[in-house]
Amino acid sequence: MGDELRDSNMKVVRDYVDAMNAWDFDALEALTDVNVVCELPYAPDGFPEQLDGRDALLEFQRGATAFLEAPNLYDLRLETYHSDPGEIVAEYRSDTVVGR
């Protein structure tokens, strides 16, 4: 069961990154839990440091289209903890351009 759960969760993360790159908000909504918490510890002034819930996250992401090009997330690397196949750590690079 651990490998199946790990593979399934890794697919969700890959699909999420693909949806972000395409600004596919329908897919993002389908992939995001209603109770998601998104922490932005390095947010610039004027940005929230935390978004609580799917609606808040999607509203923020939709608003970002006004000042960001599509994120261009690449070199995705996924890791899981052997003790918890349900926890995924995603590392990626981005060439996002601010101020379009």
Protein backbone atom coordinates (compact mmCIF):
# COMPACT_ATOMS: atom_id res chain seq x y z
CA MET A 1 0.00 0.00 0.00
CA GLY A 2 2.87 2.42 0.75
CA ASP A 3 4.26 2.39 -2.79
CA GLU A 4 0.80 2.85 -4.33
CA LEU A 5 0.03 5.79 -2.04
CA ARG A 6 3.44 7.32 -2.71
CA ASP A 7 3.04 6.97 -6.50
CA SER A 8 -0.50 8.38 -6.39
CA ASN A 9 0.55 11.39 -4.31
CA MET A 10 3.56 12.06 -6.52
CA LYS A 11 1.25 12.09 -9.54
CA VAL A 12 -0.97 14.67 -7.83
CA VAL A 13 2.05 16.93 -7.28
CA ARG A 14 3.20 16.53 -10.90
CA ASP A 15 -0.34 17.29 -12.14
CA TYR A 16 -0.48 20.34 -9.85
CA VAL A 17 2.80 21.71 -11.21
CA ASP A 18 1.57 21.14 -14.78
CA ALA A 19 -1.67 23.00 -13.96
CA MET A 20 0.29 25.88 -12.42
CA ASN A 21 2.45 26.17 -15.52
CA ALA A 22 -0.68 26.39 -17.66
CA TRP A 23 -2.68 28.61 -15.27
CA ASP A 24 -5.33 25.87 -15.45
CA PHE A 25 -7.49 26.96 -12.52
CA ASP A 26 -10.11 24.26 -13.04
CA ALA A 27 -7.42 21.61 -12.65
CA LEU A 28 -5.90 23.44 -9.67
CA GLU A 29 -9.29 23.52 -7.96
CA ALA A 30 -9.81 19.81 -8.59
CA LEU A 31 -6.35 18.98 -7.21
CA THR A 32 -6.50 21.20 -4.11
CA ASP A 33 -8.07 20.12 -0.83
CA VAL A 34 -10.68 22.51 0.50
CA ASN A 35 -8.73 22.81 3.78
CA VAL A 36 -5.32 23.56 2.23
CA VAL A 37 -2.95 25.88 4.07
CA CYS A 38 -0.39 27.64 1.89
CA GLU A 39 2.48 29.29 3.73
CA LEU A 40 4.50 31.99 1.99
CA PRO A 41 7.36 32.56 4.44
CA TYR A 42 9.31 34.78 2.03
CA ALA A 43 6.39 36.81 0.75
CA PRO A 44 7.26 40.39 -0.17
CA ASP A 45 5.57 43.32 1.55
CA GLY A 46 1.88 43.49 0.73
CA PHE A 47 1.54 39.74 0.21
CA PRO A 48 -0.09 37.40 2.70
CA GLU A 49 2.21 35.09 4.64
CA GLN A 50 -0.47 32.40 4.79
CA LEU A 51 -3.53 31.47 2.77
CA ASP A 52 -6.16 29.34 4.49
CA GLY A 53 -8.47 27.24 2.35
CA ARG A 54 -8.79 26.40 -1.33
CA ASP A 55 -10.87 29.49 -2.14
CA ALA A 56 -8.26 31.85 -0.67
CA LEU A 57 -5.42 30.08 -2.48
CA LEU A 58 -7.22 30.05 -5.84
CA GLU A 59 -8.18 33.72 -5.46
CA PHE A 60 -4.53 34.57 -4.80
CA GLN A 61 -3.34 32.46 -7.75
CA ARG A 62 -5.91 34.00 -10.11
CA GLY A 63 -4.90 37.47 -8.96
CA ALA A 64 -1.26 36.64 -9.64
CA THR A 65 -2.00 36.40 -13.36
CA ALA A 66 -2.21 40.22 -13.38
CA PHE A 67 1.46 40.62 -12.51
CA LEU A 68 3.13 37.26 -13.24
CA GLU A 69 3.73 35.31 -16.37
CA ALA A 70 2.82 31.64 -16.06
CA PRO A 71 5.21 30.22 -13.46
CA ASN A 72 7.40 27.99 -15.66
CA LEU A 73 8.17 25.53 -12.87
CA TYR A 74 10.72 22.94 -14.02
CA ASP A 75 13.39 20.54 -12.83
CA LEU A 76 10.80 19.09 -10.47
CA ARG A 77 12.29 16.75 -7.89
CA LEU A 78 10.01 14.81 -5.58
CA GLU A 79 10.97 13.02 -2.41
CA THR A 80 8.97 11.07 0.11
CA TYR A 81 9.71 9.98 3.61
CA HIS A 82 10.02 6.24 4.00
CA SER A 83 8.03 6.49 7.24
CA ASP A 84 5.17 8.47 5.63
CA PRO A 85 4.41 7.86 1.94
CA GLY A 86 1.64 10.45 2.24
CA GLU A 87 4.08 13.32 2.69
CA ILE A 88 5.73 14.67 -0.45
CA VAL A 89 8.55 17.21 -0.61
CA ALA A 90 8.69 19.05 -3.94
CA GLU A 91 11.71 21.02 -5.11
CA TYR A 92 11.71 22.90 -8.39
CA ARG A 93 13.20 25.79 -10.30
CA SER A 94 11.28 28.69 -11.80
CA ASP A 95 11.87 31.46 -14.28
CA THR A 96 8.72 33.36 -13.37
CA VAL A 97 8.74 36.97 -14.55
CA VAL A 98 7.17 39.57 -12.26
CA GLY A 99 5.58 42.71 -13.67
CA ARG A 100 4.23 41.68 -17.00
